[in-house]
Amino acid sequence: MTLELRSIGRRFGDRWILQDMNLTVQEGECLALLGASGCGKSTALRLIAGLDQPDIGEIFIDGHSMDGIPARERRIGMVFQSYALFPHLTIRNNLELGLRLRGATTKARYERINMMLEIVQLTAQAEQRPSQLSGGQRQRVALARALLRDPLIYLLDEPMSNLDAQLREELRPELKRLILDGTKPVIYVTHDQQEAMALADRIAVMRHGRIEQIGTPRELYQYPATTYVAQFIGRPPMNMLDIEEDILIGVRPEDLFFKPDGLNCRLLNQEWQGATQQLLLDTEYGHLKMICDGDTSLSEDLRVSWRQDREHRFERKTGQRL
């Protein structure tokens, strides 16, 4: 089972929201569409689901063109940013609704829902309403609903963005257990690069309706194709030093180290983060961010350097990697 997008384009009026989008997601692979708001990632998801149609290009599921195939016939399991649960129905009835519409018998509905409630660890909450559940529990109900559909492909649109940081961390293993470690292709839309790095097998970084770079999390981190990817992947973002003519030198904050004959810096700000501390340094080439050991004693004037094999070089005009 594969998902393929070939030269997809979508425009609203004179503005192209997506341009020349090509990607393939294999069986059992999770691909994250990562980018800032307005980059086109949610539009791409709507096109795959059949909720919208491309102006150019084709979408294929398991080798079959989806041109003219309505959303209800595509067997897509969708999980949204909002849980989209009916507030007046119990959790059991929320899960049952889709099965009933698809013609499942009463016995089959009862057995499948009981099995699914056990899988998502919500058996005890079956007769409660969504307002009685925590945000993490409600999102697990949404995941269960997608699983009950027995889809060919899963589409997840910012499924954890409404949760606080602690709940997101708690739900990630559940998400991997329920959906991401399965055999179906998964498209995971997010603006959170940490989430994409933690969950996806590959990431497509999007910008202005185009895919800037596709690769594994490690590939994007170690070999960013452009300055945009270099500064989007990694927190804090990669430093860009204006040292050579027509060339920008990129250095990640964690690759900087103190050296007596290094670049002269002035300490502007210091944020202690426990095991590490984040520094903001002023240099003749602009500001630098640096990560160092949390126990390091610092003076106002410092000297830093980096290994040459850890620097990244980009063409200033195009932002492309050299």
C-alpha atoms as a PDB file:
ATOM      1  CA  MET A   1       0.000   0.000   0.000  1.00  0.00           C
ATOM      2  CA  THR A   2       1.534   3.309  -1.102  1.00  0.00           C
ATOM      3  CA  LEU A   3       0.457   6.929  -1.423  1.00  0.00           C
ATOM      4  CA  GLU A   4       1.850   9.014  -4.273  1.00  0.00           C
ATOM      5  CA  LEU A   5       1.449  12.680  -5.208  1.00  0.00           C
ATOM      6  CA  ARG A   6       2.562  13.602  -8.732  1.00  0.00           C
ATOM      7  CA  SER A   7       3.127  17.258  -9.633  1.00  0.00           C
ATOM      8  CA  ILE A   8       0.252  18.441  -7.454  1.00  0.00           C
ATOM      9  CA  GLY A   9      -0.765  22.092  -7.703  1.00  0.00           C
ATOM     10  CA  ARG A  10      -3.614  23.982  -6.040  1.00  0.00           C
ATOM     11  CA  ARG A  11      -4.473  27.636  -6.332  1.00  0.00           C
ATOM     12  CA  PHE A  12      -7.051  30.003  -4.900  1.00  0.00           C
ATOM     13  CA  GLY A  13      -7.615  32.859  -7.301  1.00  0.00           C
ATOM     14  CA  ASP A  14      -4.236  33.983  -8.614  1.00  0.00           C
ATOM     15  CA  ARG A  15      -2.316  32.550  -5.671  1.00  0.00           C
ATOM     16  CA  TRP A  16      -0.754  29.071  -5.805  1.00  0.00           C
ATOM     17  CA  ILE A  17      -1.130  27.380  -2.399  1.00  0.00           C
ATOM     18  CA  LEU A  18       0.706  24.267  -3.592  1.00  0.00           C
ATOM     19  CA  GLN A  19       3.153  24.016  -6.476  1.00  0.00           C
ATOM     20  CA  ASP A  20       4.778  20.975  -8.095  1.00  0.00           C
ATOM     21  CA  MET A  21       4.356  18.737  -5.051  1.00  0.00           C
ATOM     22  CA  ASN A  22       5.841  15.273  -5.546  1.00  0.00           C
ATOM     23  CA  LEU A  23       6.162  12.658  -2.823  1.00  0.00           C
ATOM     24  CA  THR A  24       5.681   8.961  -2.175  1.00  0.00           C
ATOM     25  CA  VAL A  25       4.823   7.394   1.184  1.00  0.00           C
ATOM     26  CA  GLN A  26       5.495   3.684   1.494  1.00  0.00           C
ATOM     27  CA  GLU A  27       3.657   0.976   3.418  1.00  0.00           C
ATOM     28  CA  GLY A  28       4.245   1.390   7.157  1.00  0.00           C
ATOM     29  CA  GLU A  29       6.041   4.733   6.729  1.00  0.00           C
ATOM     30  CA  CYS A  30       5.211   7.926   8.582  1.00  0.00           C
ATOM     31  CA  LEU A  31       6.003  11.075   6.620  1.00  0.00           C
ATOM     32  CA  ALA A  32       5.630  14.437   8.350  1.00  0.00           C
ATOM     33  CA  LEU A  33       4.662  17.563   6.435  1.00  0.00           C
ATOM     34  CA  LEU A  34       6.465  20.232   8.454  1.00  0.00           C
ATOM     35  CA  GLY A  35       6.234  23.965   8.005  1.00  0.00           C
ATOM     36  CA  ALA A  36       4.967  27.285   9.271  1.00  0.00           C
ATOM     37  CA  SER A  37       1.304  28.298   9.075  1.00  0.00           C
ATOM     38  CA  GLY A  38       0.219  28.984   5.499  1.00  0.00           C
ATOM     39  CA  CYS A  39       2.876  26.813   3.839  1.00  0.00           C
ATOM     40  CA  GLY A  40       0.253  24.501   2.272  1.00  0.00           C
ATOM     41  CA  LYS A  41       0.600  21.381   4.428  1.00  0.00           C
ATOM     42  CA  SER A  42      -3.065  21.203   5.513  1.00  0.00           C
ATOM     43  CA  THR A  43      -4.187  21.914   1.943  1.00  0.00           C
ATOM     44  CA  ALA A  44      -2.154  18.894   0.817  1.00  0.00           C
ATOM     45  CA  LEU A  45      -3.915  16.781   3.440  1.00  0.00           C
ATOM     46  CA  ARG A  46      -7.354  17.908   2.233  1.00  0.00           C
ATOM     47  CA  LEU A  47      -6.441  16.976  -1.348  1.00  0.00           C
ATOM     48  CA  ILE A  48      -5.323  13.482  -0.300  1.00  0.00           C
ATOM     49  CA  ALA A  49      -8.533  13.002   1.711  1.00  0.00           C
ATOM     50  CA  GLY A  50     -10.711  14.086  -1.230  1.00  0.00           C
ATOM     51  CA  LEU A  51     -12.112  17.096   0.645  1.00  0.00           C
ATOM     52  CA  ASP A  52     -10.657  19.325  -2.096  1.00  0.00           C
ATOM     53  CA  GLN A  53      -9.398  18.764  -5.638  1.00  0.00           C
ATOM     54  CA  PRO A  54      -6.025  19.727  -7.185  1.00  0.00           C
ATOM     55  CA  ASP A  55      -5.907  22.076 -10.141  1.00  0.00           C
ATOM     56  CA  ILE A  56      -3.080  20.048 -11.675  1.00  0.00           C
ATOM     57  CA  GLY A  57      -1.420  16.716 -10.938  1.00  0.00           C
ATOM     58  CA  GLU A  58      -2.721  13.370  -9.687  1.00  0.00           C
ATOM     59  CA  ILE A  59      -2.948  11.458  -6.406  1.00  0.00           C
ATOM     60  CA  PHE A  60      -2.540   7.673  -6.342  1.00  0.00           C
ATOM     61  CA  ILE A  61      -3.446   5.250  -3.545  1.00  0.00           C
ATOM     62  CA  ASP A  62      -2.062   1.753  -4.041  1.00  0.00           C
ATOM     63  CA  GLY A  63      -1.432   2.602  -7.696  1.00  0.00           C
ATOM     64  CA  HIS A  64      -5.003   3.748  -8.376  1.00  0.00           C
ATOM     65  CA  SER A  65      -5.723   7.331  -9.397  1.00  0.00           C
ATOM     66  CA  MET A  66      -8.013   9.218  -7.028  1.00  0.00           C
ATOM     67  CA  ASP A  67      -9.211  11.543  -9.778  1.00  0.00           C
ATOM     68  CA  GLY A  68     -12.985  11.807  -9.336  1.00  0.00           C
ATOM     69  CA  ILE A  69     -13.067   9.430  -6.343  1.00  0.00           C
ATOM     70  CA  PRO A  70     -15.132  11.034  -3.524  1.00  0.00           C
ATOM     71  CA  ALA A  71     -13.791  11.280   0.017  1.00  0.00           C
ATOM     72  CA  ARG A  72     -16.147   8.622   1.414  1.00  0.00           C
ATOM     73  CA  GLU A  73     -14.732   5.998  -0.973  1.00  0.00           C
ATOM     74  CA  ARG A  74     -11.030   6.615  -0.284  1.00  0.00           C
ATOM     75  CA  ARG A  75     -10.867   4.741   3.056  1.00  0.00           C
ATOM     76  CA  ILE A  76      -8.933   7.503   4.790  1.00  0.00           C
ATOM     77  CA  GLY A  77      -8.560   7.570   8.562  1.00  0.00           C
ATOM     78  CA  MET A  78      -8.331  11.202   9.667  1.00  0.00           C
ATOM     79  CA  VAL A  79      -7.395  12.641  13.055  1.00  0.00           C
ATOM     80  CA  PHE A  80      -7.825  16.401  13.405  1.00  0.00           C
ATOM     81  CA  GLN A  81      -6.401  19.154  15.587  1.00  0.00           C
ATOM     82  CA  SER A  82      -9.863  19.470  17.144  1.00  0.00           C
ATOM     83  CA  TYR A  83     -11.158  16.165  18.448  1.00  0.00           C
ATOM     84  CA  ALA A  84     -14.412  16.569  16.459  1.00  0.00           C
ATOM     85  CA  LEU A  85     -16.403  14.489  18.952  1.00  0.00           C
ATOM     86  CA  PHE A  86     -20.152  14.858  19.448  1.00  0.00           C
ATOM     87  CA  PRO A  87     -20.446  16.407  22.936  1.00  0.00           C
ATOM     88  CA  HIS A  88     -23.933  15.012  23.642  1.00  0.00           C
ATOM     89  CA  LEU A  89     -22.940  11.392  22.881  1.00  0.00           C
ATOM     90  CA  THR A  90     -21.063   8.983  25.120  1.00  0.00           C
ATOM     91  CA  ILE A  91     -17.637   7.790  24.044  1.00  0.00           C
ATOM     92  CA  ARG A  92     -19.152   4.447  23.012  1.00  0.00           C
ATOM     93  CA  ASN A  93     -21.802   6.178  20.897  1.00  0.00           C
ATOM     94  CA  ASN A  94     -19.212   8.468  19.299  1.00  0.00           C
ATOM     95  CA  LEU A  95     -17.281   5.400  18.172  1.00  0.00           C
ATOM     96  CA  GLU A  96     -20.417   3.516  17.128  1.00  0.00           C
ATOM     97  CA  LEU A  97     -21.750   6.199  14.807  1.00  0.00           C
ATOM     98  CA  GLY A  98     -19.356   5.556  11.937  1.00  0.00           C
ATOM     99  CA  LEU A  99     -19.789   1.782  12.148  1.00  0.00           C
ATOM    100  CA  ARG A 100     -23.570   2.153  12.067  1.00  0.00           C
ATOM    101  CA  LEU A 101     -23.408   4.390   8.993  1.00  0.00           C
ATOM    102  CA  ARG A 102     -21.231   1.782   7.276  1.00  0.00           C
ATOM    103  CA  GLY A 103     -23.850  -0.902   7.952  1.00  0.00           C
ATOM    104  CA  ALA A 104     -22.114  -2.971  10.649  1.00  0.00           C
ATOM    105  CA  THR A 105     -24.411  -5.265  12.641  1.00  0.00           C
ATOM    106  CA  THR A 106     -25.216  -4.584  16.293  1.00  0.00           C
ATOM    107  CA  LYS A 107     -23.090  -7.535  17.409  1.00  0.00           C
ATOM    108  CA  ALA A 108     -20.143  -6.510  15.213  1.00  0.00           C
ATOM    109  CA  ARG A 109     -20.351  -2.922  16.482  1.00  0.00           C
ATOM    110  CA  TYR A 110     -20.389  -4.035  20.103  1.00  0.00           C
ATOM    111  CA  GLU A 111     -17.425  -6.396  19.694  1.00  0.00           C
ATOM    112  CA  ARG A 112     -15.255  -3.994  17.701  1.00  0.00           C
ATOM    113  CA  ILE A 113     -15.904  -1.042  19.995  1.00  0.00           C
ATOM    114  CA  ASN A 114     -15.112  -3.087  23.106  1.00  0.00           C
ATOM    115  CA  MET A 115     -11.873  -4.246  21.524  1.00  0.00           C
ATOM    116  CA  MET A 116     -10.946  -0.694  20.498  1.00  0.00           C
ATOM    117  CA  LEU A 117     -11.746   0.773  23.925  1.00  0.00           C
ATOM    118  CA  GLU A 118      -9.387  -1.788  25.429  1.00  0.00           C
ATOM    119  CA  ILE A 119      -6.658  -0.938  22.911  1.00  0.00           C
ATOM    120  CA  VAL A 120      -6.837   2.799  23.705  1.00  0.00           C
ATOM    121  CA  GLN A 121      -7.251   2.058  27.423  1.00  0.00           C
ATOM    122  CA  LEU A 122     -10.616   3.802  27.785  1.00  0.00           C
ATOM    123  CA  THR A 123     -12.911   0.898  28.718  1.00  0.00           C
ATOM    124  CA  ALA A 124     -13.776   2.511  32.057  1.00  0.00           C
ATOM    125  CA  GLN A 125     -14.773   5.764  30.295  1.00  0.00           C
ATOM    126  CA  ALA A 126     -17.056   4.168  27.660  1.00  0.00           C
ATOM    127  CA  GLU A 127     -20.277   5.679  29.043  1.00  0.00           C
ATOM    128  CA  GLN A 128     -18.820   9.102  29.782  1.00  0.00           C
ATOM    129  CA  ARG A 129     -19.180  12.145  27.557  1.00  0.00           C
ATOM    130  CA  PRO A 130     -16.228  14.011  25.964  1.00  0.00           C
ATOM    131  CA  SER A 131     -16.461  16.883  28.482  1.00  0.00           C
ATOM    132  CA  GLN A 132     -15.708  14.394  31.278  1.00  0.00           C
ATOM    133  CA  LEU A 133     -12.398  13.312  29.700  1.00  0.00           C
ATOM    134  CA  SER A 134      -8.960  14.931  29.692  1.00  0.00           C
ATOM    135  CA  GLY A 135      -7.513  16.333  26.464  1.00  0.00           C
ATOM    136  CA  GLY A 136      -5.273  13.285  26.071  1.00  0.00           C
ATOM    137  CA  GLN A 137      -8.211  10.915  26.541  1.00  0.00           C
ATOM    138  CA  ARG A 138     -10.317  12.803  23.992  1.00  0.00           C
ATOM    139  CA  GLN A 139      -7.518  12.574  21.464  1.00  0.00           C
ATOM    140  CA  ARG A 140      -7.305   8.828  22.094  1.00  0.00           C
ATOM    141  CA  VAL A 141     -11.035   8.600  21.293  1.00  0.00           C
ATOM    142  CA  ALA A 142     -10.308  10.416  18.013  1.00  0.00           C
ATOM    143  CA  LEU A 143      -7.499   7.926  17.298  1.00  0.00           C
ATOM    144  CA  ALA A 144      -9.838   5.021  18.093  1.00  0.00           C
ATOM    145  CA  ARG A 145     -12.435   6.370  15.669  1.00  0.00           C
ATOM    146  CA  ALA A 146      -9.812   6.500  12.897  1.00  0.00           C
ATOM    147  CA  LEU A 147      -8.676   2.945  13.706  1.00  0.00           C
ATOM    148  CA  LEU A 148     -12.249   1.619  13.583  1.00  0.00           C
ATOM    149  CA  ARG A 149     -12.558   2.807  10.006  1.00  0.00           C
ATOM    150  CA  ASP A 150      -9.835   0.274   9.024  1.00  0.00           C
ATOM    151  CA  PRO A 151      -8.385   2.784   6.551  1.00  0.00           C
ATOM    152  CA  LEU A 152      -5.846   2.324   3.795  1.00  0.00           C
ATOM    153  CA  ILE A 153      -4.039   5.516   4.877  1.00  0.00           C
ATOM    154  CA  TYR A 154      -3.930   7.643   8.010  1.00  0.00           C
ATOM    155  CA  LEU A 155      -3.940  11.451   7.793  1.00  0.00           C
ATOM    156  CA  LEU A 156      -3.146  13.293  11.027  1.00  0.00           C
ATOM    157  CA  ASP A 157      -3.600  17.072  11.032  1.00  0.00           C
ATOM    158  CA  GLU A 158      -1.831  18.666  14.032  1.00  0.00           C
ATOM    159  CA  PRO A 159      -3.331  15.977  16.315  1.00  0.00           C
ATOM    160  CA  MET A 160      -1.543  17.126  19.479  1.00  0.00           C
ATOM    161  CA  SER A 161      -1.387  20.898  19.069  1.00  0.00           C
ATOM    162  CA  ASN A 162      -4.293  21.467  21.499  1.00  0.00           C
ATOM    163  CA  LEU A 163      -2.503  19.584  24.287  1.00  0.00           C
ATOM    164  CA  ASP A 164      -0.019  21.019  26.745  1.00  0.00           C
ATOM    165  CA  ALA A 165       3.641  19.963  26.590  1.00  0.00           C
ATOM    166  CA  GLN A 166       3.356  17.231  29.214  1.00  0.00           C
ATOM    167  CA  LEU A 167       0.295  15.647  27.580  1.00  0.00           C
ATOM    168  CA  ARG A 168       1.998  15.713  24.172  1.00  0.00           C
ATOM    169  CA  GLU A 169       4.947  13.788  25.584  1.00  0.00           C
ATOM    170  CA  GLU A 170       2.607  11.290  27.237  1.00  0.00           C
ATOM    171  CA  LEU A 171       0.562  10.765  24.059  1.00  0.00           C
ATOM    172  CA  ARG A 172       3.505  10.265  21.671  1.00  0.00           C
ATOM    173  CA  PRO A 173       4.157   6.639  22.719  1.00  0.00           C
ATOM    174  CA  GLU A 174       0.414   5.952  22.436  1.00  0.00           C
ATOM    175  CA  LEU A 175       0.335   7.438  18.950  1.00  0.00           C
ATOM    176  CA  LYS A 176       3.290   5.295  17.865  1.00  0.00           C
ATOM    177  CA  ARG A 177       1.716   2.168  19.371  1.00  0.00           C
ATOM    178  CA  LEU A 178      -1.699   2.705  17.815  1.00  0.00           C
ATOM    179  CA  ILE A 179      -0.912   4.082  14.360  1.00  0.00           C
ATOM    180  CA  LEU A 180       2.712   4.905  13.553  1.00  0.00           C
ATOM    181  CA  ASP A 181       4.126   1.414  14.158  1.00  0.00           C
ATOM    182  CA  GLY A 182       1.533  -0.191  11.873  1.00  0.00           C
ATOM    183  CA  THR A 183       1.602  -1.228   8.213  1.00  0.00           C
ATOM    184  CA  LYS A 184      -0.356   1.676   6.691  1.00  0.00           C
ATOM    185  CA  PRO A 185       1.147   4.856   5.182  1.00  0.00           C
ATOM    186  CA  VAL A 186       0.789   7.847   7.521  1.00  0.00           C
ATOM    187  CA  ILE A 187       0.900  11.562   6.688  1.00  0.00           C
ATOM    188  CA  TYR A 188       1.474  13.637   9.815  1.00  0.00           C
ATOM    189  CA  VAL A 189       0.984  17.407   9.504  1.00  0.00           C
ATOM    190  CA  THR A 190       2.661  19.591  12.123  1.00  0.00           C
ATOM    191  CA  HIS A 191       4.394  22.933  12.635  1.00  0.00           C
ATOM    192  CA  ASP A 192       6.388  21.493  15.563  1.00  0.00           C
ATOM    193  CA  GLN A 193       9.808  20.319  14.373  1.00  0.00           C
ATOM    194  CA  GLN A 194      10.490  18.483  17.631  1.00  0.00           C
ATOM    195  CA  GLU A 195       7.302  16.461  17.155  1.00  0.00           C
ATOM    196  CA  ALA A 196       8.188  15.682  13.533  1.00  0.00           C
ATOM    197  CA  MET A 197      11.728  14.634  14.475  1.00  0.00           C
ATOM    198  CA  ALA A 198      10.425  12.346  17.248  1.00  0.00           C
ATOM    199  CA  LEU A 199       7.656  10.601  15.283  1.00  0.00           C
ATOM    200  CA  ALA A 200       8.364  10.607  11.544  1.00  0.00           C
ATOM    201  CA  ASP A 201      10.492   8.265   9.449  1.00  0.00           C
ATOM    202  CA  ARG A 202      10.935  11.074   6.917  1.00  0.00           C
ATOM    203  CA  ILE A 203      10.099  14.761   6.948  1.00  0.00           C
ATOM    204  CA  ALA A 204       9.083  17.019   4.061  1.00  0.00           C
ATOM    205  CA  VAL A 205       9.887  20.611   5.023  1.00  0.00           C
ATOM    206  CA  MET A 206       7.450  22.936   3.232  1.00  0.00           C
ATOM    207  CA  ARG A 207       7.742  26.623   2.410  1.00  0.00           C
ATOM    208  CA  HIS A 208       5.428  28.830   0.338  1.00  0.00           C
ATOM    209  CA  GLY A 209       3.568  25.836  -1.130  1.00  0.00           C
ATOM    210  CA  ARG A 210       6.679  23.924  -2.160  1.00  0.00           C
ATOM    211  CA  ILE A 211       8.703  21.107  -0.615  1.00  0.00           C
ATOM    212  CA  GLU A 212      12.045  22.590   0.394  1.00  0.00           C
ATOM    213  CA  GLN A 213      13.664  19.254   1.299  1.00  0.00           C
ATOM    214  CA  ILE A 214      12.642  15.657   2.068  1.00  0.00           C
ATOM    215  CA  GLY A 215      14.773  13.366   4.215  1.00  0.00           C
ATOM    216  CA  THR A 216      15.102  11.480   7.456  1.00  0.00           C
ATOM    217  CA  PRO A 217      15.293  13.588  10.616  1.00  0.00           C
ATOM    218  CA  ARG A 218      19.036  12.891  10.774  1.00  0.00           C
ATOM    219  CA  GLU A 219      19.568  13.910   7.124  1.00  0.00           C
ATOM    220  CA  LEU A 220      17.715  17.191   7.565  1.00  0.00           C
ATOM    221  CA  TYR A 221      19.622  17.991  10.746  1.00  0.00           C
ATOM    222  CA  GLN A 222      23.081  17.060   9.502  1.00  0.00           C
ATOM    223  CA  TYR A 223      22.778  18.045   5.820  1.00  0.00           C
ATOM    224  CA  PRO A 224      20.177  20.810   5.389  1.00  0.00           C
ATOM    225  CA  ALA A 225      19.768  21.682   1.714  1.00  0.00           C
ATOM    226  CA  THR A 226      18.982  25.364   2.320  1.00  0.00           C
ATOM    227  CA  THR A 227      19.363  28.037   4.969  1.00  0.00           C
ATOM    228  CA  TYR A 228      15.609  27.801   5.566  1.00  0.00           C
ATOM    229  CA  VAL A 229      15.794  24.112   6.471  1.00  0.00           C
ATOM    230  CA  ALA A 230      18.960  24.704   8.489  1.00  0.00           C
ATOM    231  CA  GLN A 231      17.202  27.258  10.667  1.00  0.00           C
ATOM    232  CA  PHE A 232      13.830  25.485  10.806  1.00  0.00           C
ATOM    233  CA  ILE A 233      15.256  22.153  12.011  1.00  0.00           C
ATOM    234  CA  GLY A 234      16.972  22.328  15.398  1.00  0.00           C
ATOM    235  CA  ARG A 235      16.360  24.395  18.511  1.00  0.00           C
ATOM    236  CA  PRO A 236      17.896  26.887  18.904  1.00  0.00           C
ATOM    237  CA  PRO A 237      18.209  27.377  15.128  1.00  0.00           C
ATOM    238  CA  MET A 238      21.520  27.193  13.310  1.00  0.00           C
ATOM    239  CA  ASN A 239      23.708  30.310  13.485  1.00  0.00           C
ATOM    240  CA  MET A 240      24.491  32.008  10.155  1.00  0.00           C
ATOM    241  CA  LEU A 241      27.830  33.821  10.053  1.00  0.00           C
ATOM    242  CA  ASP A 242      28.519  36.477   7.430  1.00  0.00           C
ATOM    243  CA  ILE A 243      32.267  35.833   7.220  1.00  0.00           C
ATOM    244  CA  GLU A 244      33.103  35.188   3.559  1.00  0.00           C
ATOM    245  CA  GLU A 245      31.970  37.066   0.476  1.00  0.00           C
ATOM    246  CA  ASP A 246      28.846  35.543  -1.133  1.00  0.00           C
ATOM    247  CA  ILE A 247      28.901  32.681   1.421  1.00  0.00           C
ATOM    248  CA  LEU A 248      27.099  32.131   4.702  1.00  0.00           C
ATOM    249  CA  ILE A 249      28.674  29.753   7.212  1.00  0.00           C
ATOM    250  CA  GLY A 250      26.220  27.852   9.376  1.00  0.00           C
ATOM    251  CA  VAL A 251      27.160  26.503  12.811  1.00  0.00           C
ATOM    252  CA  ARG A 252      24.784  24.799  15.226  1.00  0.00           C
ATOM    253  CA  PRO A 253      24.766  26.231  18.782  1.00  0.00           C
ATOM    254  CA  GLU A 254      25.794  22.880  20.268  1.00  0.00           C
ATOM    255  CA  ASP A 255      28.851  22.674  17.963  1.00  0.00           C
ATOM    256  CA  LEU A 256      30.433  25.832  19.397  1.00  0.00           C
ATOM    257  CA  PHE A 257      33.065  25.465  22.121  1.00  0.00           C
ATOM    258  CA  PHE A 258      35.332  27.769  24.099  1.00  0.00           C
ATOM    259  CA  LYS A 259      38.863  28.241  22.739  1.00  0.00           C
ATOM    260  CA  PRO A 260      41.515  30.791  23.884  1.00  0.00           C
ATOM    261  CA  ASP A 261      42.371  31.853  20.313  1.00  0.00           C
ATOM    262  CA  GLY A 262      38.804  31.637  18.980  1.00  0.00           C
ATOM    263  CA  LEU A 263      36.347  34.269  17.793  1.00  0.00           C
ATOM    264  CA  ASN A 264      36.050  37.167  20.244  1.00  0.00           C
ATOM    265  CA  CYS A 265      32.559  37.400  21.762  1.00  0.00           C
ATOM    266  CA  ARG A 266      30.676  39.428  24.323  1.00  0.00           C
ATOM    267  CA  LEU A 267      28.073  37.719  26.499  1.00  0.00           C
ATOM    268  CA  LEU A 268      24.663  39.370  26.036  1.00  0.00           C
ATOM    269  CA  ASN A 269      22.335  36.891  27.705  1.00  0.00           C
ATOM    270  CA  GLN A 270      22.490  33.645  29.643  1.00  0.00           C
ATOM    271  CA  GLU A 271      19.614  31.182  30.167  1.00  0.00           C
ATOM    272  CA  TRP A 272      20.271  28.349  32.588  1.00  0.00           C
ATOM    273  CA  GLN A 273      18.390  25.184  31.602  1.00  0.00           C
ATOM    274  CA  GLY A 274      19.639  22.680  34.165  1.00  0.00           C
ATOM    275  CA  ALA A 275      22.142  20.358  32.506  1.00  0.00           C
ATOM    276  CA  THR A 276      22.890  23.010  29.874  1.00  0.00           C
ATOM    277  CA  GLN A 277      22.759  26.763  29.442  1.00  0.00           C
ATOM    278  CA  GLN A 278      21.938  28.779  26.328  1.00  0.00           C
ATOM    279  CA  LEU A 279      24.078  31.814  25.614  1.00  0.00           C
ATOM    280  CA  LEU A 280      23.518  34.793  23.331  1.00  0.00           C
ATOM    281  CA  LEU A 281      26.856  36.156  22.145  1.00  0.00           C
ATOM    282  CA  ASP A 282      27.731  39.298  20.194  1.00  0.00           C
ATOM    283  CA  THR A 283      30.513  39.070  17.595  1.00  0.00           C
ATOM    284  CA  GLU A 284      31.831  41.181  14.750  1.00  0.00           C
ATOM    285  CA  TYR A 285      29.851  38.952  12.386  1.00  0.00           C
ATOM    286  CA  GLY A 286      26.550  39.196  14.245  1.00  0.00           C
ATOM    287  CA  HIS A 287      24.876  37.399  17.129  1.00  0.00           C
ATOM    288  CA  LEU A 288      25.568  33.762  17.987  1.00  0.00           C
ATOM    289  CA  LYS A 289      23.587  31.314  20.090  1.00  0.00           C
ATOM    290  CA  MET A 290      25.592  28.701  21.968  1.00  0.00           C
ATOM    291  CA  ILE A 291      24.751  25.675  24.102  1.00  0.00           C
ATOM    292  CA  CYS A 292      27.272  24.786  26.811  1.00  0.00           C
ATOM    293  CA  ASP A 293      27.441  22.810  30.043  1.00  0.00           C
ATOM    294  CA  GLY A 294      25.164  24.118  32.778  1.00  0.00           C
ATOM    295  CA  ASP A 295      28.017  24.262  35.326  1.00  0.00           C
ATOM    296  CA  THR A 296      30.355  26.371  33.148  1.00  0.00           C
ATOM    297  CA  SER A 297      31.472  29.625  34.771  1.00  0.00           C
ATOM    298  CA  LEU A 298      31.381  32.543  32.347  1.00  0.00           C
ATOM    299  CA  SER A 299      32.901  35.989  32.045  1.00  0.00           C
ATOM    300  CA  GLU A 300      31.571  38.866  29.959  1.00  0.00           C
ATOM    301  CA  ASP A 301      34.260  38.446  27.280  1.00  0.00           C
ATOM    302  CA  LEU A 302      34.600  34.990  25.735  1.00  0.00           C
ATOM    303  CA  ARG A 303      36.274  33.296  22.786  1.00  0.00           C
ATOM    304  CA  VAL A 304      34.578  30.483  20.859  1.00  0.00           C
ATOM    305  CA  SER A 305      35.340  28.271  17.890  1.00  0.00           C
ATOM    306  CA  TRP A 306      34.006  25.229  16.005  1.00  0.00           C
ATOM    307  CA  ARG A 307      35.364  22.274  14.090  1.00  0.00           C
ATOM    308  CA  GLN A 308      35.559  22.802  10.347  1.00  0.00           C
ATOM    309  CA  ASP A 309      33.824  19.479   9.668  1.00  0.00           C
ATOM    310  CA  ARG A 310      30.799  20.741  11.636  1.00  0.00           C
ATOM    311  CA  GLU A 311      30.263  23.928   9.632  1.00  0.00           C
ATOM    312  CA  HIS A 312      27.716  24.253   6.816  1.00  0.00           C
ATOM    313  CA  ARG A 313      28.246  26.497   3.795  1.00  0.00           C
ATOM    314  CA  PHE A 314      25.450  28.130   1.826  1.00  0.00           C
ATOM    315  CA  GLU A 315      25.296  30.451  -1.161  1.00  0.00           C
ATOM    316  CA  ARG A 316      24.164  33.815   0.179  1.00  0.00           C
ATOM    317  CA  LYS A 317      21.974  34.765  -2.795  1.00  0.00           C
ATOM    318  CA  THR A 318      19.993  31.512  -3.188  1.00  0.00           C
ATOM    319  CA  GLY A 319      20.354  30.019   0.287  1.00  0.00           C
ATOM    320  CA  GLN A 320      21.358  26.714  -1.318  1.00  0.00           C
ATOM    321  CA  ARG A 321      23.897  24.399   0.312  1.00  0.00           C
ATOM    322  CA  LEU A 322      27.344  24.444  -1.287  1.00  0.00           C
END
